[in-house]
Amino acid sequence: MGLTFSAISQERSAELITFLSSAFGMKDTPPNLSPEVLVWKYFAPHPWWPTGRGYFLETDNGIAAHGCMAPVRFAEGSAVLESMVVIDWASGKLVPGAGVLLCRRAMETLHSSMLAIGGSPDALSIFPQVRWFVPRAEMKWYAKSLRPWQRFLKSGRRLRDGLKFVRNTHRGFFPPLPAPGKWTCRRARRGDPVFTSEGNFIPILRTREWIDYLSACPAARCTLWILEHEGAPCGHALIANLGGSARVADFALGAKPTSDAVKQAFSALVRAAAADSDAIELVAASSLAEDIAAFEACGMQYRRCFPVLLADLARAFPPNSALEIKPILGDAFYLYNPANPFQL
């Protein structure tokens, strides 16, 4: 059976929605596949991938599999390591193993490595069994209630929700939020830089053009913040508000900050997020131990963990090196259920 791997044109958007609805058993179109989000995600100009980013694997009888390639770059010294995260990954029943074959074709055709970060139950069961996907990190999610009463009002108001309200109210005071020291947080202005993290890991390579593209996501109200130390810009954070769930899509400090600096800078960010009256809960995630220590110091509670696997056919990544993984990679920062935006 002949198989064709090719990019999707915008004229095939309706066909794409029909295929994904069938593959995922969707009755209603979720926010991440609304017409506005679909155009932004698949076809809008991207600084690293100006052409369409959705791909079909097809036979003469129809679509066998689909994936959208979200471009990612890492910095290894002066080298740039190209990668991508496959999102909206789905396969039909025409070809056994079509979803895995699509990933292989994508890497070979596009000359790139591929990350698998969390995903659907199918993805979580399939990718670990594929020999060229290797575990490389874990992205741990944390949350902190900023307005426990509003969170309670949006719940089912059952006994369990009442107990959560009492618990979240207590956690709002204990442990107390660390002092931000000389760190402050302000909204970004045109021309402000963004920062690539430094440490004993391979960091995500950030550019302002890439951050601006992601900030334009129609599914969320995104705000780019600049973190300053004694008035000098030293880091940034991108927060995406999804119906009251304020997700820290990205948090990065330059110049190898100390653990105390990371905690103080994140404390300044928590204060800025809490000042937003629409933010009910703050959510953050990272694969880095120094970030997780800052989350916990600021009273955030562990929610769940996403496994991170890397397929690197060209062996461009140094073996056994730690990777910086944040929600800004893929669709984790804007994928949500409007009926329960606080569910991860």
Protein backbone atom coordinates (compact mmCIF):
# COMPACT_ATOMS: atom_id res chain seq x y z
CA MET A 1 0.00 0.00 0.00
CA GLY A 2 1.48 3.37 -1.03
CA LEU A 3 1.88 5.99 1.68
CA THR A 4 2.27 9.73 1.15
CA PHE A 5 3.62 12.13 3.77
CA SER A 6 2.80 15.76 2.99
CA ALA A 7 1.98 19.12 4.54
CA ILE A 8 -1.68 20.11 4.84
CA SER A 9 -2.95 23.15 2.96
CA GLN A 10 -5.38 25.52 4.66
CA GLU A 11 -8.05 24.45 2.16
CA ARG A 12 -8.11 21.04 3.84
CA SER A 13 -8.93 22.38 7.31
CA ALA A 14 -12.45 20.93 7.32
CA GLU A 15 -11.05 17.52 6.33
CA LEU A 16 -8.55 17.80 9.18
CA ILE A 17 -11.27 18.56 11.76
CA THR A 18 -13.37 15.65 10.51
CA PHE A 19 -10.43 13.25 10.83
CA LEU A 20 -9.46 14.43 14.33
CA SER A 21 -13.08 14.35 15.50
CA SER A 22 -13.35 10.75 14.37
CA ALA A 23 -9.98 9.72 15.80
CA PHE A 24 -10.59 11.35 19.20
CA GLY A 25 -14.34 10.65 19.36
CA MET A 26 -15.14 14.36 19.66
CA LYS A 27 -18.74 15.57 19.40
CA ASP A 28 -17.92 19.25 19.89
CA THR A 29 -14.90 21.16 18.62
CA PRO A 30 -12.57 21.96 21.57
CA PRO A 31 -10.99 25.43 21.93
CA ASN A 32 -7.60 24.23 20.68
CA LEU A 33 -9.22 23.33 17.34
CA SER A 34 -11.41 26.40 16.91
CA PRO A 35 -10.99 28.12 13.50
CA GLU A 36 -8.87 30.94 14.99
CA VAL A 37 -6.57 28.61 16.93
CA LEU A 38 -6.27 26.21 14.02
CA VAL A 39 -5.12 28.98 11.67
CA TRP A 40 -2.60 30.25 14.26
CA LYS A 41 -1.30 26.78 15.10
CA TYR A 42 -1.04 25.37 11.58
CA PHE A 43 -0.74 28.18 9.05
CA ALA A 44 0.19 31.56 10.61
CA PRO A 45 3.74 32.75 9.89
CA HIS A 46 6.22 31.30 12.35
CA PRO A 47 9.77 32.64 12.77
CA TRP A 48 11.26 29.14 12.55
CA TRP A 49 8.77 27.40 10.28
CA PRO A 50 7.00 29.78 7.86
CA THR A 51 5.14 27.04 5.95
CA GLY A 52 2.25 24.86 7.13
CA ARG A 53 3.01 22.74 10.18
CA GLY A 54 0.29 20.08 9.91
CA TYR A 55 1.03 16.82 8.10
CA PHE A 56 -1.01 13.89 6.82
CA LEU A 57 0.14 10.35 6.19
CA GLU A 58 -2.25 9.15 3.48
CA THR A 59 -3.11 6.13 1.38
CA ASP A 60 -5.26 5.95 -1.74
CA ASN A 61 -8.16 5.13 0.59
CA GLY A 62 -7.82 8.17 2.85
CA ILE A 63 -5.95 9.67 5.81
CA ALA A 64 -3.97 7.18 7.89
CA ALA A 65 -2.46 9.56 10.48
CA HIS A 66 -1.94 13.20 11.33
CA GLY A 67 0.46 15.33 13.36
CA CYS A 68 1.19 19.01 13.82
CA MET A 69 4.87 19.86 14.27
CA ALA A 70 5.53 22.59 16.84
CA PRO A 71 9.12 23.80 16.24
CA VAL A 72 11.56 23.86 19.16
CA ARG A 73 15.18 24.95 19.38
CA PHE A 74 17.79 24.19 22.01
CA ALA A 75 21.17 25.85 22.57
CA GLU A 76 24.24 23.65 23.00
CA GLY A 77 27.13 26.09 23.31
CA SER A 78 27.17 27.99 20.02
CA ALA A 79 25.24 25.23 18.23
CA VAL A 80 21.50 25.31 17.63
CA LEU A 81 19.73 21.95 18.00
CA GLU A 82 16.55 21.76 15.94
CA SER A 83 13.65 19.75 17.30
CA MET A 84 9.86 19.63 17.32
CA VAL A 85 6.96 18.47 19.44
CA VAL A 86 4.20 16.55 17.67
CA ILE A 87 0.76 17.77 18.76
CA ASP A 88 -2.76 16.81 17.63
CA TRP A 89 -1.24 13.39 16.99
CA ALA A 90 -3.80 10.85 15.80
CA SER A 91 -4.13 7.79 13.60
CA GLY A 92 -7.08 6.05 11.99
CA LYS A 93 -7.67 2.41 11.25
CA LEU A 94 -6.38 2.25 7.67
CA VAL A 95 -2.78 1.35 8.48
CA PRO A 96 -1.56 -0.38 11.68
CA GLY A 97 1.08 1.72 13.42
CA ALA A 98 0.40 4.72 11.17
CA GLY A 99 0.90 7.23 13.99
CA VAL A 100 4.40 5.97 14.75
CA LEU A 101 5.22 5.80 11.04
CA LEU A 102 4.14 9.43 10.63
CA CYS A 103 6.61 10.45 13.36
CA ARG A 104 9.40 8.55 11.62
CA ARG A 105 8.59 10.11 8.24
CA ALA A 106 8.46 13.57 9.84
CA MET A 107 11.93 13.22 11.36
CA GLU A 108 13.46 11.81 8.18
CA THR A 109 11.81 14.33 5.85
CA LEU A 110 12.23 17.41 8.04
CA HIS A 111 15.70 16.44 9.32
CA SER A 112 14.83 17.07 12.95
CA SER A 113 14.68 15.32 16.28
CA MET A 114 11.31 14.95 18.02
CA LEU A 115 10.09 15.34 21.60
CA ALA A 116 7.13 13.52 23.10
CA ILE A 117 5.90 15.35 26.22
CA GLY A 118 3.03 13.76 28.12
CA GLY A 119 0.07 13.39 25.79
CA SER A 120 -3.09 11.35 25.48
CA PRO A 121 -3.42 7.89 27.06
CA ASP A 122 -2.62 6.39 23.65
CA ALA A 123 0.54 8.48 23.31
CA LEU A 124 1.63 7.65 26.86
CA SER A 125 1.27 3.93 26.16
CA ILE A 126 2.75 3.88 22.63
CA PHE A 127 5.79 6.21 22.61
CA PRO A 128 7.68 4.43 25.46
CA GLN A 129 7.50 1.22 23.42
CA VAL A 130 9.11 2.77 20.33
CA ARG A 131 12.82 1.98 20.48
CA TRP A 132 14.00 5.33 19.08
CA PHE A 133 12.13 7.34 21.72
CA VAL A 134 14.32 7.51 24.84
CA PRO A 135 13.32 8.96 28.26
CA ARG A 136 15.22 12.21 28.84
CA ALA A 137 13.33 14.21 31.48
CA GLU A 138 10.20 14.65 33.56
CA MET A 139 8.15 17.84 33.56
CA LYS A 140 6.51 18.29 36.97
CA TRP A 141 3.39 20.42 37.35
CA TYR A 142 2.57 22.54 40.42
CA ALA A 143 -0.37 24.78 41.32
CA LYS A 144 -1.20 27.48 43.86
CA SER A 145 -4.66 28.86 44.56
CA LEU A 146 -4.61 32.67 44.37
CA ARG A 147 -8.33 33.17 45.13
CA PRO A 148 -9.68 30.13 46.99
CA TRP A 149 -13.23 31.52 47.29
CA GLN A 150 -13.56 32.11 43.53
CA ARG A 151 -12.09 28.68 42.91
CA PHE A 152 -14.74 27.21 45.21
CA LEU A 153 -17.53 29.07 43.40
CA LYS A 154 -16.41 27.55 40.10
CA SER A 155 -16.40 24.03 41.56
CA GLY A 156 -19.28 21.60 42.04
CA ARG A 157 -19.55 22.88 45.65
CA ARG A 158 -19.52 19.40 47.08
CA LEU A 159 -18.05 18.44 50.46
CA ARG A 160 -14.72 17.68 48.78
CA ASP A 161 -14.70 21.15 47.21
CA GLY A 162 -15.39 22.71 50.60
CA LEU A 163 -12.45 20.84 52.10
CA LYS A 164 -10.27 22.03 49.22
CA PHE A 165 -11.37 25.60 49.92
CA VAL A 166 -10.26 25.32 53.55
CA ARG A 167 -6.97 23.71 52.51
CA ASN A 168 -6.27 26.29 49.79
CA THR A 169 -7.06 29.16 52.15
CA HIS A 170 -4.58 27.78 54.69
CA ARG A 171 -1.93 27.29 52.02
CA GLY A 172 -2.35 30.91 50.98
CA PHE A 173 -0.65 31.87 54.25
CA PHE A 174 1.53 28.85 55.03
CA PRO A 175 4.24 28.71 53.96
CA PRO A 176 4.46 32.48 53.59
CA LEU A 177 5.55 33.73 50.18
CA PRO A 178 9.32 34.37 50.22
CA ALA A 179 10.48 37.99 49.97
CA PRO A 180 11.39 38.93 46.39
CA GLY A 181 14.57 40.68 47.51
CA LYS A 182 15.65 43.13 44.83
CA TRP A 183 13.58 41.42 42.12
CA THR A 184 10.60 43.14 40.51
CA CYS A 185 8.25 42.17 37.72
CA ARG A 186 6.69 44.37 35.03
CA ARG A 187 4.82 43.87 31.77
CA ALA A 188 7.05 43.62 28.72
CA ARG A 189 7.39 46.50 26.32
CA ARG A 190 8.21 46.47 22.64
CA GLY A 191 11.93 45.91 22.23
CA ASP A 192 12.43 44.15 25.58
CA PRO A 193 14.70 41.12 25.31
CA VAL A 194 13.86 37.57 26.32
CA PHE A 195 16.33 35.25 28.00
CA THR A 196 17.76 31.79 27.47
CA SER A 197 18.35 29.90 30.71
CA GLU A 198 21.84 28.93 31.79
CA GLY A 199 22.89 25.99 33.93
CA ASN A 200 23.97 22.36 33.86
CA PHE A 201 21.44 21.43 31.20
CA ILE A 202 20.66 22.00 27.53
CA PRO A 203 18.40 25.08 27.53
CA ILE A 204 15.50 26.03 25.30
CA LEU A 205 16.65 28.71 22.85
CA ARG A 206 14.33 31.73 23.11
CA THR A 207 13.93 34.63 20.70
CA ARG A 208 11.51 37.53 21.06
CA GLU A 209 9.95 36.66 17.69
CA TRP A 210 9.16 33.12 18.86
CA ILE A 211 7.77 34.32 22.19
CA ASP A 212 5.64 36.92 20.38
CA TYR A 213 4.25 34.24 18.06
CA LEU A 214 3.30 32.04 21.04
CA SER A 215 1.85 35.03 22.90
CA ALA A 216 -0.61 35.54 20.05
CA CYS A 217 -2.32 32.20 20.79
CA PRO A 218 -6.09 32.88 20.39
CA ALA A 219 -7.02 30.24 23.00
CA ALA A 220 -5.49 32.16 25.92
CA ARG A 221 -4.88 35.68 27.17
CA CYS A 222 -1.10 35.76 27.25
CA THR A 223 1.07 38.28 29.09
CA LEU A 224 4.83 38.56 28.77
CA TRP A 225 6.54 39.73 31.95
CA ILE A 226 10.07 41.04 32.40
CA LEU A 227 11.87 40.12 35.63
CA GLU A 228 14.29 42.79 36.79
CA HIS A 229 17.00 42.73 39.45
CA GLU A 230 17.79 46.19 40.82
CA GLY A 231 16.04 47.64 37.77
CA ALA A 232 18.01 45.64 35.18
CA PRO A 233 16.17 43.05 33.00
CA CYS A 234 17.48 39.61 33.92
CA GLY A 235 14.68 37.26 32.96
CA HIS A 236 11.18 36.86 31.57
CA ALA A 237 8.00 34.87 32.09
CA LEU A 238 5.02 34.17 29.84
CA ILE A 239 1.68 33.62 31.58
CA ALA A 240 -1.37 32.28 29.72
CA ASN A 241 -4.74 32.83 31.40
CA LEU A 242 -7.32 30.17 30.55
CA GLY A 243 -10.60 30.95 32.26
CA GLY A 244 -8.91 31.77 35.56
CA SER A 245 -6.14 29.19 35.32
CA ALA A 246 -2.99 31.28 34.93
CA ARG A 247 -0.34 28.96 33.48
CA VAL A 248 3.31 29.95 33.57
CA ALA A 249 4.13 28.88 30.03
CA ASP A 250 7.74 30.00 30.37
CA PHE A 251 10.06 31.22 33.12
CA ALA A 252 13.72 31.89 32.37
CA LEU A 253 16.57 33.77 33.99
CA GLY A 254 19.91 34.44 32.34
CA ALA A 255 23.47 34.38 33.69
CA LYS A 256 23.31 31.19 35.82
CA PRO A 257 21.27 32.53 38.75
CA THR A 258 21.72 31.21 42.27
CA SER A 259 18.95 29.10 43.81
CA ASP A 260 18.01 32.07 46.02
CA ALA A 261 17.75 34.32 42.96
CA VAL A 262 15.40 31.84 41.24
CA LYS A 263 13.16 31.70 44.33
CA GLN A 264 13.10 35.51 44.71
CA ALA A 265 12.40 36.09 41.01
CA PHE A 266 9.58 33.53 41.01
CA SER A 267 8.17 35.13 44.16
CA ALA A 268 8.06 38.46 42.31
CA LEU A 269 6.21 36.73 39.47
CA VAL A 270 3.67 35.17 41.85
CA ARG A 271 2.95 38.63 43.26
CA ALA A 272 2.44 40.04 39.77
CA ALA A 273 0.10 37.18 38.83
CA ALA A 274 -1.90 37.58 42.06
CA ALA A 275 -2.50 41.24 41.20
CA ASP A 276 -4.46 40.12 38.13
CA SER A 277 -8.07 39.91 39.34
CA ASP A 278 -8.87 37.30 36.65
CA ALA A 279 -6.23 34.87 37.88
CA ILE A 280 -7.78 32.33 40.25
CA GLU A 281 -5.05 29.70 40.26
CA LEU A 282 -1.39 29.83 39.24
CA VAL A 283 0.06 26.77 37.52
CA ALA A 284 3.72 26.16 36.63
CA ALA A 285 5.81 23.27 35.35
CA SER A 286 9.46 22.52 34.68
CA SER A 287 12.01 19.74 34.36
CA LEU A 288 14.65 21.75 36.28
CA ALA A 289 15.33 21.09 39.97
CA GLU A 290 16.02 24.78 40.68
CA ASP A 291 12.63 25.78 39.26
CA ILE A 292 10.83 23.09 41.25
CA ALA A 293 12.57 24.25 44.44
CA ALA A 294 11.30 27.79 43.72
CA PHE A 295 7.75 26.53 43.09
CA GLU A 296 7.69 24.68 46.40
CA ALA A 297 9.25 27.59 48.31
CA CYS A 298 6.43 29.79 46.99
CA GLY A 299 3.77 27.43 48.33
CA MET A 300 2.87 25.65 45.09
CA GLN A 301 1.59 22.08 45.40
CA TYR A 302 2.57 19.14 43.22
CA ARG A 303 -0.12 18.10 40.73
CA ARG A 304 1.28 15.61 38.22
CA CYS A 305 4.27 14.61 36.10
CA PHE A 306 4.66 14.39 32.31
CA PRO A 307 7.32 11.99 30.98
CA VAL A 308 9.55 13.48 28.28
CA LEU A 309 11.01 11.28 25.54
CA LEU A 310 13.41 12.27 22.78
CA ALA A 311 13.82 10.67 19.36
CA ASP A 312 17.19 11.85 18.01
CA LEU A 313 17.98 9.83 14.89
CA ALA A 314 20.97 12.05 14.00
CA ARG A 315 22.33 11.88 17.57
CA ALA A 316 22.67 15.65 17.71
CA PHE A 317 21.97 15.86 21.45
CA PRO A 318 24.79 14.92 23.83
CA PRO A 319 23.90 11.61 25.51
CA ASN A 320 22.64 11.69 29.11
CA SER A 321 22.47 15.51 29.11
CA ALA A 322 19.63 17.11 31.06
CA LEU A 323 17.04 19.00 29.01
CA GLU A 324 15.14 22.12 29.99
CA ILE A 325 11.45 21.40 29.41
CA LYS A 326 8.70 23.97 29.98
CA PRO A 327 4.99 24.17 29.04
CA ILE A 328 5.88 26.62 26.25
CA LEU A 329 6.96 23.59 24.21
CA GLY A 330 4.00 22.05 22.39
CA ASP A 331 0.42 22.82 23.41
CA ALA A 332 0.52 22.27 27.19
CA PHE A 333 0.11 25.97 27.97
CA TYR A 334 -3.13 26.47 26.02
CA LEU A 335 -4.79 23.03 25.94
CA TYR A 336 -7.74 23.06 28.35
CA ASN A 337 -11.34 22.12 29.01
CA PRO A 338 -13.59 25.23 29.32
CA ALA A 339 -15.92 23.30 31.65
CA ASN A 340 -12.99 22.79 34.04
CA PRO A 341 -10.04 25.06 33.20
CA PHE A 342 -8.24 24.00 36.39
CA GLN A 343 -7.90 20.38 35.23
CA LEU A 344 -4.46 19.39 33.91
